[in-house]
Amino acid sequence: MLSYRTSDDIAAPFGNYNHAVEVPPGARVLHLAGQVGARRDGTIPDSLEEEVRLIFANLESVLKASGMALSDLVKLNYFVASTDHLATLRTVRDTILKPPYPAASLVIVKALGRPEWRIEVDGIAAKVGA
């Protein structure tokens, strides 16, 4: 079983994430490459909301292909090209991810790998007893 951890000696999480997630011995661990909001044909939607939904759909697709689900995520790293995108990212994320939340980091970056990409998310998942 995954264990979600924090410390009473530090500030509570500032959003929907946990400070730490412990993966027990014997769990399968999957490292997910950065996913962007690209459709299967490589196009990026004009709508930031649709782009973020595609990011999570792409993460879910990679997880499913590996016998896992979004609930198996233990860590997410968000790379965002503008603080203007944060509200949409958080709103969409909060409709998709359910507690207990993975640990997370958020980095505002000058640019991503292509100019049309606004957000990229990578992560780690773990499947216990599989």
N, C-alpha and C. Protein backbone atom coordinates (compact mmCIF):
# COMPACT_ATOMS: atom_id res chain seq x y z
N MET A 1 0.84 -1.17 0.00
CA MET A 1 0.00 0.00 0.00
C MET A 1 0.89 1.25 0.00
N LEU A 2 0.52 2.24 -0.78
CA LEU A 2 1.24 3.51 -0.78
C LEU A 2 0.94 4.25 0.52
N SER A 3 1.93 4.94 1.04
CA SER A 3 1.75 5.74 2.26
C SER A 3 1.96 7.20 1.93
N TYR A 4 1.00 8.03 2.31
CA TYR A 4 1.04 9.47 2.04
C TYR A 4 1.52 10.16 3.30
N ARG A 5 2.55 11.00 3.16
CA ARG A 5 3.22 11.55 4.32
C ARG A 5 3.35 13.07 4.24
N THR A 6 3.37 13.68 5.42
CA THR A 6 3.68 15.08 5.58
C THR A 6 4.29 15.25 6.96
N SER A 7 4.64 16.46 7.30
CA SER A 7 5.21 16.75 8.61
C SER A 7 4.45 17.90 9.23
N ASP A 8 4.15 17.78 10.50
CA ASP A 8 3.48 18.88 11.21
C ASP A 8 4.42 20.06 11.43
N ASP A 9 5.71 19.89 11.12
CA ASP A 9 6.70 20.94 11.34
C ASP A 9 6.85 21.88 10.14
N ILE A 10 6.10 21.62 9.06
CA ILE A 10 6.17 22.49 7.88
C ILE A 10 4.76 22.91 7.50
N ALA A 11 4.66 23.88 6.61
CA ALA A 11 3.36 24.34 6.13
C ALA A 11 2.63 23.20 5.42
N ALA A 12 1.32 23.20 5.55
CA ALA A 12 0.50 22.22 4.85
C ALA A 12 0.67 22.42 3.34
N PRO A 13 0.36 21.40 2.53
CA PRO A 13 0.44 21.59 1.08
C PRO A 13 -0.38 22.81 0.64
N PHE A 14 0.13 23.51 -0.34
CA PHE A 14 -0.51 24.71 -0.84
C PHE A 14 -1.58 24.41 -1.90
N GLY A 15 -1.83 23.16 -2.18
CA GLY A 15 -2.81 22.76 -3.17
C GLY A 15 -3.13 21.29 -3.03
N ASN A 16 -3.67 20.73 -4.08
CA ASN A 16 -4.07 19.32 -4.05
C ASN A 16 -2.89 18.42 -4.41
N TYR A 17 -2.04 18.21 -3.42
CA TYR A 17 -0.91 17.30 -3.52
C TYR A 17 -0.50 16.91 -2.10
N ASN A 18 0.32 15.88 -1.99
CA ASN A 18 0.90 15.48 -0.71
C ASN A 18 2.39 15.80 -0.75
N HIS A 19 2.97 16.02 0.42
CA HIS A 19 4.40 16.31 0.48
C HIS A 19 5.25 15.11 0.08
N ALA A 20 4.80 13.92 0.39
CA ALA A 20 5.58 12.72 0.08
C ALA A 20 4.66 11.52 -0.06
N VAL A 21 5.08 10.60 -0.90
CA VAL A 21 4.38 9.33 -1.06
C VAL A 21 5.44 8.23 -0.99
N GLU A 22 5.26 7.31 -0.04
CA GLU A 22 6.20 6.22 0.12
C GLU A 22 5.74 5.01 -0.68
N VAL A 23 6.64 4.48 -1.49
CA VAL A 23 6.36 3.29 -2.30
C VAL A 23 6.99 2.10 -1.60
N PRO A 24 6.19 1.08 -1.28
CA PRO A 24 6.74 -0.05 -0.53
C PRO A 24 7.62 -0.95 -1.39
N PRO A 25 8.46 -1.74 -0.75
CA PRO A 25 9.30 -2.70 -1.48
C PRO A 25 8.42 -3.63 -2.33
N GLY A 26 8.93 -3.98 -3.49
CA GLY A 26 8.23 -4.92 -4.36
C GLY A 26 7.22 -4.28 -5.29
N ALA A 27 6.95 -3.00 -5.16
CA ALA A 27 6.00 -2.34 -6.06
C ALA A 27 6.65 -2.14 -7.44
N ARG A 28 5.83 -2.19 -8.48
CA ARG A 28 6.31 -1.84 -9.82
C ARG A 28 6.34 -0.32 -9.91
N VAL A 29 7.44 0.23 -10.39
CA VAL A 29 7.58 1.68 -10.51
C VAL A 29 7.72 2.05 -11.99
N LEU A 30 6.97 3.06 -12.40
CA LEU A 30 6.95 3.50 -13.79
C LEU A 30 7.29 4.99 -13.83
N HIS A 31 8.29 5.35 -14.62
CA HIS A 31 8.66 6.75 -14.81
C HIS A 31 8.04 7.21 -16.12
N LEU A 32 7.22 8.26 -16.04
CA LEU A 32 6.51 8.76 -17.22
C LEU A 32 7.25 9.95 -17.81
N ALA A 33 7.51 9.89 -19.10
CA ALA A 33 8.12 11.02 -19.80
C ALA A 33 7.15 12.19 -19.81
N GLY A 34 7.68 13.38 -20.01
CA GLY A 34 6.84 14.57 -20.07
C GLY A 34 5.78 14.45 -21.16
N GLN A 35 4.55 14.75 -20.78
CA GLN A 35 3.44 14.71 -21.72
C GLN A 35 2.95 16.14 -21.95
N VAL A 36 2.64 16.43 -23.20
CA VAL A 36 2.09 17.72 -23.57
C VAL A 36 0.68 17.50 -24.10
N GLY A 37 -0.04 18.58 -24.30
CA GLY A 37 -1.42 18.49 -24.76
C GLY A 37 -1.53 18.34 -26.25
N ALA A 38 -0.90 17.32 -26.79
CA ALA A 38 -0.94 17.07 -28.23
C ALA A 38 -1.94 15.96 -28.54
N ARG A 39 -2.70 16.21 -29.59
CA ARG A 39 -3.58 15.16 -30.10
C ARG A 39 -2.73 14.08 -30.76
N ARG A 40 -3.35 12.98 -31.11
CA ARG A 40 -2.62 11.86 -31.71
C ARG A 40 -1.89 12.28 -32.99
N ASP A 41 -2.47 13.25 -33.73
CA ASP A 41 -1.83 13.72 -34.96
C ASP A 41 -0.76 14.78 -34.69
N GLY A 42 -0.50 15.08 -33.43
CA GLY A 42 0.54 16.02 -33.06
C GLY A 42 0.09 17.47 -32.94
N THR A 43 -1.16 17.75 -33.28
CA THR A 43 -1.64 19.13 -33.19
C THR A 43 -1.97 19.50 -31.75
N ILE A 44 -1.84 20.79 -31.46
CA ILE A 44 -2.12 21.34 -30.14
C ILE A 44 -3.39 22.18 -30.24
N PRO A 45 -4.36 21.97 -29.35
CA PRO A 45 -5.58 22.77 -29.42
C PRO A 45 -5.32 24.24 -29.07
N ASP A 46 -6.16 25.11 -29.58
CA ASP A 46 -6.07 26.53 -29.23
C ASP A 46 -6.47 26.75 -27.77
N SER A 47 -7.43 25.97 -27.29
CA SER A 47 -7.96 26.11 -25.94
C SER A 47 -6.97 25.55 -24.92
N LEU A 48 -6.58 26.36 -23.94
CA LEU A 48 -5.68 25.89 -22.89
C LEU A 48 -6.35 24.78 -22.08
N GLU A 49 -7.65 24.90 -21.83
CA GLU A 49 -8.36 23.86 -21.08
C GLU A 49 -8.27 22.53 -21.79
N GLU A 50 -8.50 22.53 -23.11
CA GLU A 50 -8.41 21.28 -23.86
C GLU A 50 -6.97 20.75 -23.86
N GLU A 51 -6.01 21.63 -23.93
CA GLU A 51 -4.61 21.21 -23.89
C GLU A 51 -4.30 20.49 -22.57
N VAL A 52 -4.76 21.05 -21.46
CA VAL A 52 -4.52 20.43 -20.16
C VAL A 52 -5.26 19.09 -20.06
N ARG A 53 -6.50 19.05 -20.54
CA ARG A 53 -7.23 17.77 -20.52
C ARG A 53 -6.49 16.70 -21.34
N LEU A 54 -5.92 17.09 -22.46
CA LEU A 54 -5.15 16.15 -23.28
C LEU A 54 -3.90 15.66 -22.54
N ILE A 55 -3.26 16.55 -21.79
CA ILE A 55 -2.09 16.13 -21.03
C ILE A 55 -2.47 14.99 -20.09
N PHE A 56 -3.55 15.17 -19.35
CA PHE A 56 -3.96 14.13 -18.40
C PHE A 56 -4.47 12.88 -19.13
N ALA A 57 -5.12 13.06 -20.27
CA ALA A 57 -5.56 11.90 -21.07
C ALA A 57 -4.35 11.14 -21.59
N ASN A 58 -3.31 11.86 -22.01
CA ASN A 58 -2.10 11.20 -22.49
C ASN A 58 -1.39 10.47 -21.35
N LEU A 59 -1.30 11.10 -20.18
CA LEU A 59 -0.73 10.41 -19.03
C LEU A 59 -1.52 9.14 -18.72
N GLU A 60 -2.84 9.26 -18.71
CA GLU A 60 -3.69 8.11 -18.41
C GLU A 60 -3.51 7.01 -19.44
N SER A 61 -3.33 7.37 -20.71
CA SER A 61 -3.13 6.37 -21.76
C SER A 61 -1.83 5.60 -21.56
N VAL A 62 -0.76 6.31 -21.21
CA VAL A 62 0.52 5.65 -20.96
C VAL A 62 0.41 4.74 -19.74
N LEU A 63 -0.26 5.22 -18.71
CA LEU A 63 -0.47 4.40 -17.51
C LEU A 63 -1.27 3.15 -17.84
N LYS A 64 -2.35 3.31 -18.59
CA LYS A 64 -3.20 2.17 -18.95
C LYS A 64 -2.40 1.14 -19.75
N ALA A 65 -1.56 1.61 -20.67
CA ALA A 65 -0.74 0.69 -21.47
C ALA A 65 0.24 -0.08 -20.60
N SER A 66 0.48 0.43 -19.41
CA SER A 66 1.40 -0.21 -18.45
C SER A 66 0.66 -0.93 -17.33
N GLY A 67 -0.65 -1.08 -17.47
CA GLY A 67 -1.44 -1.76 -16.44
C GLY A 67 -1.65 -0.93 -15.20
N MET A 68 -1.64 0.39 -15.35
CA MET A 68 -1.81 1.28 -14.21
C MET A 68 -2.90 2.30 -14.50
N ALA A 69 -3.19 3.12 -13.49
CA ALA A 69 -4.22 4.15 -13.60
C ALA A 69 -3.73 5.44 -12.96
N LEU A 70 -4.48 6.51 -13.14
CA LEU A 70 -4.12 7.79 -12.53
C LEU A 70 -3.97 7.67 -11.02
N SER A 71 -4.71 6.79 -10.41
CA SER A 71 -4.64 6.60 -8.96
C SER A 71 -3.30 5.99 -8.52
N ASP A 72 -2.50 5.50 -9.46
CA ASP A 72 -1.19 4.94 -9.15
C ASP A 72 -0.08 5.99 -9.21
N LEU A 73 -0.41 7.23 -9.58
CA LEU A 73 0.59 8.29 -9.62
C LEU A 73 1.10 8.60 -8.22
N VAL A 74 2.42 8.67 -8.07
CA VAL A 74 3.00 9.03 -6.78
C VAL A 74 3.70 10.38 -6.83
N LYS A 75 4.05 10.86 -8.03
CA LYS A 75 4.74 12.15 -8.17
C LYS A 75 4.43 12.74 -9.53
N LEU A 76 4.09 14.02 -9.56
CA LEU A 76 3.91 14.76 -10.81
C LEU A 76 4.79 16.00 -10.77
N ASN A 77 5.38 16.31 -11.91
CA ASN A 77 6.16 17.53 -12.09
C ASN A 77 5.48 18.35 -13.18
N TYR A 78 5.10 19.56 -12.84
CA TYR A 78 4.42 20.45 -13.78
C TYR A 78 5.42 21.50 -14.26
N PHE A 79 5.53 21.66 -15.57
CA PHE A 79 6.36 22.68 -16.18
C PHE A 79 5.42 23.60 -16.95
N VAL A 80 5.36 24.86 -16.55
CA VAL A 80 4.36 25.79 -17.07
C VAL A 80 5.08 27.02 -17.62
N ALA A 81 4.74 27.41 -18.86
CA ALA A 81 5.43 28.50 -19.54
C ALA A 81 4.95 29.88 -19.11
N SER A 82 3.86 29.98 -18.37
CA SER A 82 3.38 31.28 -17.91
C SER A 82 2.51 31.11 -16.67
N THR A 83 2.63 32.01 -15.73
CA THR A 83 1.77 31.97 -14.56
C THR A 83 0.31 32.18 -14.95
N ASP A 84 0.07 32.75 -16.13
CA ASP A 84 -1.30 32.94 -16.62
C ASP A 84 -2.02 31.60 -16.83
N HIS A 85 -1.27 30.52 -16.94
CA HIS A 85 -1.85 29.20 -17.21
C HIS A 85 -2.21 28.44 -15.93
N LEU A 86 -1.80 28.94 -14.77
CA LEU A 86 -1.95 28.18 -13.52
C LEU A 86 -3.41 27.93 -13.14
N ALA A 87 -4.26 28.92 -13.25
CA ALA A 87 -5.66 28.74 -12.84
C ALA A 87 -6.33 27.63 -13.66
N THR A 88 -6.11 27.63 -14.97
CA THR A 88 -6.70 26.59 -15.82
C THR A 88 -6.11 25.23 -15.48
N LEU A 89 -4.81 25.16 -15.31
CA LEU A 89 -4.17 23.90 -14.94
C LEU A 89 -4.78 23.35 -13.67
N ARG A 90 -4.89 24.18 -12.65
CA ARG A 90 -5.42 23.71 -11.36
C ARG A 90 -6.88 23.31 -11.45
N THR A 91 -7.68 24.07 -12.17
CA THR A 91 -9.10 23.76 -12.30
C THR A 91 -9.30 22.41 -12.99
N VAL A 92 -8.61 22.22 -14.11
CA VAL A 92 -8.75 20.95 -14.85
C VAL A 92 -8.19 19.80 -14.03
N ARG A 93 -7.00 19.99 -13.47
CA ARG A 93 -6.38 18.92 -12.65
C ARG A 93 -7.32 18.48 -11.55
N ASP A 94 -7.98 19.44 -10.90
CA ASP A 94 -8.84 19.11 -9.76
C ASP A 94 -10.12 18.39 -10.17
N THR A 95 -10.48 18.42 -11.45
CA THR A 95 -11.62 17.63 -11.92
C THR A 95 -11.20 16.21 -12.30
N ILE A 96 -9.90 15.99 -12.44
CA ILE A 96 -9.40 14.70 -12.91
C ILE A 96 -8.77 13.88 -11.79
N LEU A 97 -7.89 14.49 -11.01
CA LEU A 97 -7.21 13.75 -9.93
C LEU A 97 -8.07 13.77 -8.67
N LYS A 98 -8.11 12.65 -8.01
CA LYS A 98 -8.89 12.49 -6.78
C LYS A 98 -7.95 12.14 -5.63
N PRO A 99 -8.33 12.49 -4.38
CA PRO A 99 -7.47 12.13 -3.24
C PRO A 99 -7.37 10.62 -3.09
N PRO A 100 -6.28 10.13 -2.53
CA PRO A 100 -5.13 10.88 -2.06
C PRO A 100 -4.28 11.34 -3.26
N TYR A 101 -3.79 12.57 -3.18
CA TYR A 101 -3.06 13.17 -4.29
C TYR A 101 -1.60 12.74 -4.29
N PRO A 102 -0.99 12.71 -5.48
CA PRO A 102 0.44 12.44 -5.55
C PRO A 102 1.24 13.62 -5.01
N ALA A 103 2.50 13.39 -4.72
CA ALA A 103 3.41 14.50 -4.44
C ALA A 103 3.56 15.28 -5.75
N ALA A 104 3.94 16.54 -5.66
CA ALA A 104 4.02 17.35 -6.87
C ALA A 104 5.01 18.48 -6.74
N SER A 105 5.53 18.89 -7.89
CA SER A 105 6.37 20.09 -8.00
C SER A 105 5.86 20.90 -9.18
N LEU A 106 6.00 22.22 -9.06
CA LEU A 106 5.57 23.13 -10.11
C LEU A 106 6.72 24.07 -10.43
N VAL A 107 7.06 24.15 -11.72
CA VAL A 107 8.16 25.01 -12.15
C VAL A 107 7.65 25.91 -13.28
N ILE A 108 7.88 27.20 -13.13
CA ILE A 108 7.57 28.14 -14.21
C ILE A 108 8.84 28.21 -15.06
N VAL A 109 8.68 27.95 -16.35
CA VAL A 109 9.83 27.90 -17.25
C VAL A 109 9.72 28.98 -18.32
N LYS A 110 10.84 29.36 -18.88
CA LYS A 110 10.85 30.36 -19.94
C LYS A 110 10.20 29.82 -21.20
N ALA A 111 10.43 28.56 -21.49
CA ALA A 111 9.87 27.93 -22.69
C ALA A 111 9.94 26.42 -22.53
N LEU A 112 9.13 25.73 -23.34
CA LEU A 112 9.18 24.27 -23.41
C LEU A 112 9.83 23.87 -24.74
N GLY A 113 9.84 22.61 -25.07
CA GLY A 113 10.55 22.10 -26.24
C GLY A 113 10.07 22.63 -27.58
N ARG A 114 8.82 23.05 -27.66
CA ARG A 114 8.27 23.66 -28.87
C ARG A 114 7.49 24.90 -28.47
N PRO A 115 7.49 25.92 -29.30
CA PRO A 115 6.84 27.18 -28.91
C PRO A 115 5.33 27.06 -28.68
N GLU A 116 4.67 26.08 -29.30
CA GLU A 116 3.22 25.94 -29.14
C GLU A 116 2.84 25.21 -27.84
N TRP A 117 3.79 24.59 -27.19
CA TRP A 117 3.51 23.90 -25.93
C TRP A 117 3.48 24.91 -24.80
N ARG A 118 2.43 24.85 -23.99
CA ARG A 118 2.30 25.78 -22.86
C ARG A 118 2.54 25.11 -21.51
N ILE A 119 2.24 23.81 -21.44
CA ILE A 119 2.39 23.05 -20.19
C ILE A 119 2.91 21.65 -20.54
N GLU A 120 3.75 21.12 -19.68
CA GLU A 120 4.23 19.75 -19.80
C GLU A 120 4.20 19.13 -18.42
N VAL A 121 3.83 17.86 -18.35
CA VAL A 121 3.73 17.17 -17.06
C VAL A 121 4.41 15.81 -17.19
N ASP A 122 5.33 15.52 -16.27
CA ASP A 122 5.89 14.18 -16.19
C ASP A 122 5.63 13.63 -14.80
N GLY A 123 5.97 12.37 -14.59
CA GLY A 123 5.68 11.83 -13.28
C GLY A 123 6.21 10.44 -13.05
N ILE A 124 5.85 9.93 -11.88
CA ILE A 124 6.22 8.58 -11.46
C ILE A 124 4.95 7.92 -10.94
N ALA A 125 4.76 6.66 -11.31
CA ALA A 125 3.63 5.87 -10.80
C ALA A 125 4.17 4.61 -10.17
N ALA A 126 3.40 4.05 -9.27
CA ALA A 126 3.80 2.80 -8.61
C ALA A 126 2.57 1.93 -8.43
N LYS A 127 2.71 0.67 -8.76
CA LYS A 127 1.63 -0.31 -8.61
C LYS A 127 2.02 -1.31 -7.55
N VAL A 128 1.26 -1.35 -6.49
CA VAL A 128 1.54 -2.25 -5.37
C VAL A 128 0.84 -3.57 -5.61
N GLY A 129 1.55 -4.67 -5.36
CA GLY A 129 0.94 -6.00 -5.47
C GLY A 129 0.65 -6.43 -6.89
N ALA A 130 1.44 -5.93 -7.83
CA ALA A 130 1.19 -6.30 -9.23
C ALA A 130 2.37 -7.02 -9.81
